[in-house]
């Protein structure tokens, strides 16, 4: 990974972790199911960034390309949004 890729992925991980923490607090306060779907999206983004950073440092290699990881996480996020819309709040 390039330096700018690490930087942007790091910002994404930090922002996703922050929004996950804020979302957990909001869910506990309101109890709305809608927040669960949003929390899952932030969790997927966080895990995606962590996987990309760790694989970029060479700790382990992914059996698929980084682009495939991003596409898989996009599909998961879209499915979560779809399920949230279909199920409603």
N, C-alpha and C. Protein backbone atom coordinates (compact mmCIF):
# COMPACT_ATOMS: atom_id res chain seq x y z
N UNK A 1 0.84 -1.18 0.00
CA UNK A 1 0.00 0.00 0.00
C UNK A 1 0.88 1.24 0.00
N UNK A 2 0.38 2.25 -0.62
CA UNK A 2 1.09 3.52 -0.64
C UNK A 2 0.87 4.25 0.68
N UNK A 3 1.71 5.26 0.92
CA UNK A 3 1.59 6.02 2.16
C UNK A 3 0.24 6.70 2.28
N UNK A 4 -0.27 7.27 1.18
CA UNK A 4 -1.57 7.93 1.24
C UNK A 4 -2.68 6.92 1.51
N UNK A 5 -2.51 5.69 1.03
CA UNK A 5 -3.50 4.65 1.31
C UNK A 5 -3.55 4.33 2.80
N UNK A 6 -2.38 4.20 3.42
CA UNK A 6 -2.34 3.97 4.87
C UNK A 6 -2.98 5.11 5.62
N UNK A 7 -2.68 6.32 5.20
CA UNK A 7 -3.21 7.51 5.87
C UNK A 7 -4.74 7.53 5.77
N UNK A 8 -5.27 7.35 4.58
CA UNK A 8 -6.73 7.39 4.39
C UNK A 8 -7.42 6.22 5.09
N UNK A 9 -6.81 5.05 5.05
CA UNK A 9 -7.39 3.91 5.74
C UNK A 9 -7.35 4.12 7.25
N UNK A 10 -6.26 4.71 7.74
CA UNK A 10 -6.18 5.03 9.17
C UNK A 10 -7.24 6.02 9.61
N UNK A 11 -7.48 7.04 8.79
CA UNK A 11 -8.54 8.00 9.11
C UNK A 11 -9.89 7.30 9.11
N UNK A 12 -10.11 6.42 8.14
CA UNK A 12 -11.36 5.67 8.07
C UNK A 12 -11.56 4.80 9.30
N UNK A 13 -10.50 4.15 9.76
CA UNK A 13 -10.59 3.29 10.95
C UNK A 13 -10.90 4.13 12.19
N UNK A 14 -10.21 5.24 12.34
CA UNK A 14 -10.44 6.12 13.50
C UNK A 14 -11.85 6.67 13.49
N UNK A 15 -12.30 7.14 12.33
CA UNK A 15 -13.64 7.71 12.22
C UNK A 15 -14.71 6.64 12.45
N UNK A 16 -14.50 5.44 11.89
CA UNK A 16 -15.47 4.36 12.09
C UNK A 16 -15.53 3.95 13.57
N UNK A 17 -14.38 3.89 14.24
CA UNK A 17 -14.37 3.54 15.67
C UNK A 17 -15.09 4.60 16.49
N UNK A 18 -14.85 5.88 16.16
CA UNK A 18 -15.52 6.96 16.87
C UNK A 18 -17.04 6.90 16.65
N UNK A 19 -17.46 6.73 15.40
CA UNK A 19 -18.88 6.68 15.10
C UNK A 19 -19.53 5.42 15.69
N UNK A 20 -18.78 4.34 15.77
CA UNK A 20 -19.29 3.14 16.41
C UNK A 20 -19.54 3.39 17.90
N UNK A 21 -18.61 4.06 18.55
CA UNK A 21 -18.78 4.39 19.97
C UNK A 21 -19.96 5.33 20.18
N UNK A 22 -20.09 6.34 19.34
CA UNK A 22 -21.22 7.27 19.44
C UNK A 22 -22.53 6.54 19.17
N UNK A 23 -22.52 5.65 18.18
CA UNK A 23 -23.72 4.89 17.86
C UNK A 23 -24.15 3.96 18.98
N UNK A 24 -23.18 3.34 19.64
CA UNK A 24 -23.51 2.47 20.78
C UNK A 24 -24.16 3.28 21.89
N UNK A 25 -23.60 4.44 22.13
CA UNK A 25 -24.18 5.32 23.17
C UNK A 25 -25.60 5.76 22.79
N UNK A 26 -25.80 6.10 21.52
CA UNK A 26 -27.13 6.52 21.06
C UNK A 26 -28.12 5.37 21.14
N UNK A 27 -27.66 4.16 20.79
CA UNK A 27 -28.56 3.00 20.87
C UNK A 27 -28.96 2.71 22.31
N UNK A 28 -28.01 2.79 23.21
CA UNK A 28 -28.33 2.54 24.62
C UNK A 28 -29.30 3.59 25.16
N UNK A 29 -29.17 4.80 24.68
CA UNK A 29 -30.02 5.89 25.16
C UNK A 29 -31.43 5.78 24.60
N UNK A 30 -31.55 5.45 23.30
CA UNK A 30 -32.86 5.47 22.65
C UNK A 30 -33.49 4.08 22.52
N UNK A 31 -32.66 3.04 22.32
CA UNK A 31 -33.17 1.70 22.15
C UNK A 31 -33.78 1.43 20.77
N UNK A 32 -33.57 2.34 19.83
CA UNK A 32 -34.13 2.18 18.48
C UNK A 32 -33.34 1.13 17.70
N UNK A 33 -34.07 0.23 17.02
CA UNK A 33 -33.43 -0.83 16.23
C UNK A 33 -32.65 -0.27 15.05
N UNK A 34 -33.05 0.90 14.58
CA UNK A 34 -32.38 1.52 13.44
C UNK A 34 -30.89 1.71 13.73
N UNK A 35 -30.57 2.02 14.97
CA UNK A 35 -29.17 2.22 15.33
C UNK A 35 -28.35 0.94 15.24
N UNK A 36 -29.00 -0.21 15.39
CA UNK A 36 -28.27 -1.48 15.27
C UNK A 36 -27.72 -1.66 13.85
N UNK A 37 -28.52 -1.32 12.86
CA UNK A 37 -28.05 -1.44 11.48
C UNK A 37 -26.91 -0.46 11.20
N UNK A 38 -27.04 0.73 11.72
CA UNK A 38 -25.97 1.72 11.55
C UNK A 38 -24.70 1.26 12.27
N UNK A 39 -24.85 0.68 13.44
CA UNK A 39 -23.70 0.15 14.18
C UNK A 39 -23.02 -0.97 13.40
N UNK A 40 -23.80 -1.83 12.78
CA UNK A 40 -23.22 -2.91 11.99
C UNK A 40 -22.46 -2.38 10.78
N UNK A 41 -22.97 -1.32 10.16
CA UNK A 41 -22.27 -0.71 9.04
C UNK A 41 -20.93 -0.13 9.50
N UNK A 42 -20.93 0.58 10.61
CA UNK A 42 -19.68 1.14 11.13
C UNK A 42 -18.71 0.03 11.50
N UNK A 43 -19.23 -1.07 12.02
CA UNK A 43 -18.38 -2.21 12.38
C UNK A 43 -17.75 -2.84 11.13
N UNK A 44 -18.52 -2.96 10.06
CA UNK A 44 -17.98 -3.52 8.82
C UNK A 44 -16.89 -2.61 8.26
N UNK A 45 -17.12 -1.30 8.29
CA UNK A 45 -16.12 -0.35 7.81
C UNK A 45 -14.86 -0.42 8.67
N UNK A 46 -15.04 -0.54 9.97
CA UNK A 46 -13.90 -0.64 10.88
C UNK A 46 -13.10 -1.91 10.61
N UNK A 47 -13.77 -3.04 10.50
CA UNK A 47 -13.08 -4.31 10.24
C UNK A 47 -12.39 -4.29 8.88
N UNK A 48 -13.04 -3.69 7.90
CA UNK A 48 -12.46 -3.58 6.56
C UNK A 48 -11.15 -2.79 6.62
N UNK A 49 -11.16 -1.67 7.31
CA UNK A 49 -9.95 -0.86 7.43
C UNK A 49 -8.85 -1.56 8.19
N UNK A 50 -9.20 -2.23 9.26
CA UNK A 50 -8.20 -2.95 10.05
C UNK A 50 -7.57 -4.07 9.22
N UNK A 51 -8.39 -4.80 8.49
CA UNK A 51 -7.86 -5.87 7.64
C UNK A 51 -6.91 -5.30 6.59
N UNK A 52 -7.29 -4.19 5.96
CA UNK A 52 -6.43 -3.59 4.94
C UNK A 52 -5.12 -3.07 5.52
N UNK A 53 -5.17 -2.48 6.70
CA UNK A 53 -3.95 -1.96 7.32
C UNK A 53 -3.02 -3.11 7.72
N UNK A 54 -3.57 -4.13 8.35
CA UNK A 54 -2.74 -5.25 8.79
C UNK A 54 -2.13 -5.96 7.59
N UNK A 55 -2.92 -6.16 6.54
CA UNK A 55 -2.36 -6.82 5.36
C UNK A 55 -1.35 -5.93 4.65
N UNK A 56 -1.53 -4.62 4.74
CA UNK A 56 -0.59 -3.69 4.13
C UNK A 56 0.77 -3.69 4.81
N UNK A 57 0.77 -3.93 6.13
CA UNK A 57 2.03 -4.01 6.87
C UNK A 57 2.72 -5.36 6.66
N UNK A 58 2.04 -6.28 6.03
CA UNK A 58 2.65 -7.57 5.73
C UNK A 58 2.56 -8.57 6.85
N UNK A 59 1.71 -8.33 7.83
CA UNK A 59 1.53 -9.28 8.93
C UNK A 59 0.94 -10.59 8.38
N UNK A 60 0.01 -10.47 7.47
CA UNK A 60 -0.52 -11.61 6.76
C UNK A 60 -0.93 -11.15 5.37
N UNK A 61 -1.04 -12.08 4.47
CA UNK A 61 -1.47 -11.74 3.12
C UNK A 61 -2.88 -12.27 2.90
N UNK A 62 -3.65 -11.48 2.21
CA UNK A 62 -5.01 -11.88 1.90
C UNK A 62 -5.01 -12.81 0.69
N UNK A 63 -5.87 -13.83 0.73
CA UNK A 63 -5.94 -14.71 -0.45
C UNK A 63 -6.65 -14.04 -1.63
N UNK A 64 -7.25 -12.87 -1.38
CA UNK A 64 -7.90 -12.11 -2.45
C UNK A 64 -7.31 -10.71 -2.47
N UNK A 65 -7.59 -9.96 -3.50
CA UNK A 65 -7.02 -8.62 -3.62
C UNK A 65 -7.72 -7.65 -2.67
N UNK A 66 -7.06 -6.52 -2.43
CA UNK A 66 -7.64 -5.48 -1.58
C UNK A 66 -8.93 -4.94 -2.18
N UNK A 67 -8.99 -4.88 -3.50
CA UNK A 67 -10.21 -4.41 -4.15
C UNK A 67 -11.37 -5.35 -3.87
N UNK A 68 -11.10 -6.65 -3.87
CA UNK A 68 -12.16 -7.61 -3.57
C UNK A 68 -12.65 -7.45 -2.14
N UNK A 69 -11.76 -7.17 -1.20
CA UNK A 69 -12.16 -6.93 0.19
C UNK A 69 -13.09 -5.73 0.27
N UNK A 70 -12.74 -4.67 -0.44
CA UNK A 70 -13.58 -3.48 -0.45
C UNK A 70 -14.94 -3.76 -1.08
N UNK A 71 -14.96 -4.53 -2.14
CA UNK A 71 -16.23 -4.85 -2.80
C UNK A 71 -17.10 -5.73 -1.92
N UNK A 72 -16.48 -6.68 -1.23
CA UNK A 72 -17.24 -7.54 -0.31
C UNK A 72 -17.85 -6.71 0.81
N UNK A 73 -17.08 -5.79 1.38
CA UNK A 73 -17.61 -4.95 2.45
C UNK A 73 -18.70 -4.03 1.92
N UNK A 74 -18.58 -3.56 0.68
CA UNK A 74 -19.65 -2.75 0.10
C UNK A 74 -20.94 -3.54 -0.05
N UNK A 75 -20.83 -4.78 -0.48
CA UNK A 75 -22.01 -5.63 -0.62
C UNK A 75 -22.65 -5.87 0.75
N UNK A 76 -21.85 -6.13 1.76
CA UNK A 76 -22.39 -6.34 3.11
C UNK A 76 -23.10 -5.09 3.60
N UNK A 77 -22.50 -3.93 3.38
CA UNK A 77 -23.12 -2.67 3.81
C UNK A 77 -24.44 -2.45 3.07
N UNK A 78 -24.45 -2.67 1.78
CA UNK A 78 -25.69 -2.49 1.02
C UNK A 78 -26.78 -3.46 1.48
N UNK A 79 -26.39 -4.70 1.78
CA UNK A 79 -27.37 -5.67 2.29
C UNK A 79 -27.91 -5.25 3.66
N UNK A 80 -27.05 -4.69 4.50
CA UNK A 80 -27.52 -4.20 5.80
C UNK A 80 -28.50 -3.05 5.63
N UNK A 81 -28.19 -2.13 4.73
CA UNK A 81 -29.11 -1.02 4.47
C UNK A 81 -30.43 -1.53 3.89
N UNK A 82 -30.35 -2.49 2.96
CA UNK A 82 -31.57 -3.06 2.39
C UNK A 82 -32.41 -3.72 3.48
N UNK A 83 -31.78 -4.54 4.31
CA UNK A 83 -32.51 -5.22 5.37
C UNK A 83 -33.12 -4.20 6.33
N UNK A 84 -32.39 -3.13 6.63
CA UNK A 84 -32.93 -2.10 7.51
C UNK A 84 -34.12 -1.37 6.91
N UNK A 85 -34.08 -1.14 5.61
CA UNK A 85 -35.19 -0.46 4.94
C UNK A 85 -36.41 -1.38 4.85
N UNK A 86 -36.17 -2.64 4.50
CA UNK A 86 -37.29 -3.58 4.35
C UNK A 86 -37.95 -3.86 5.70
N UNK A 87 -37.13 -4.05 6.71
CA UNK A 87 -37.65 -4.36 8.05
C UNK A 87 -38.24 -3.13 8.72
N UNK A 88 -37.74 -1.95 8.36
CA UNK A 88 -38.23 -0.72 8.98
C UNK A 88 -37.62 -0.52 10.34
N UNK A 89 -38.00 0.52 10.98
CA UNK A 89 -37.47 0.80 12.32
C UNK A 89 -38.43 0.22 13.31
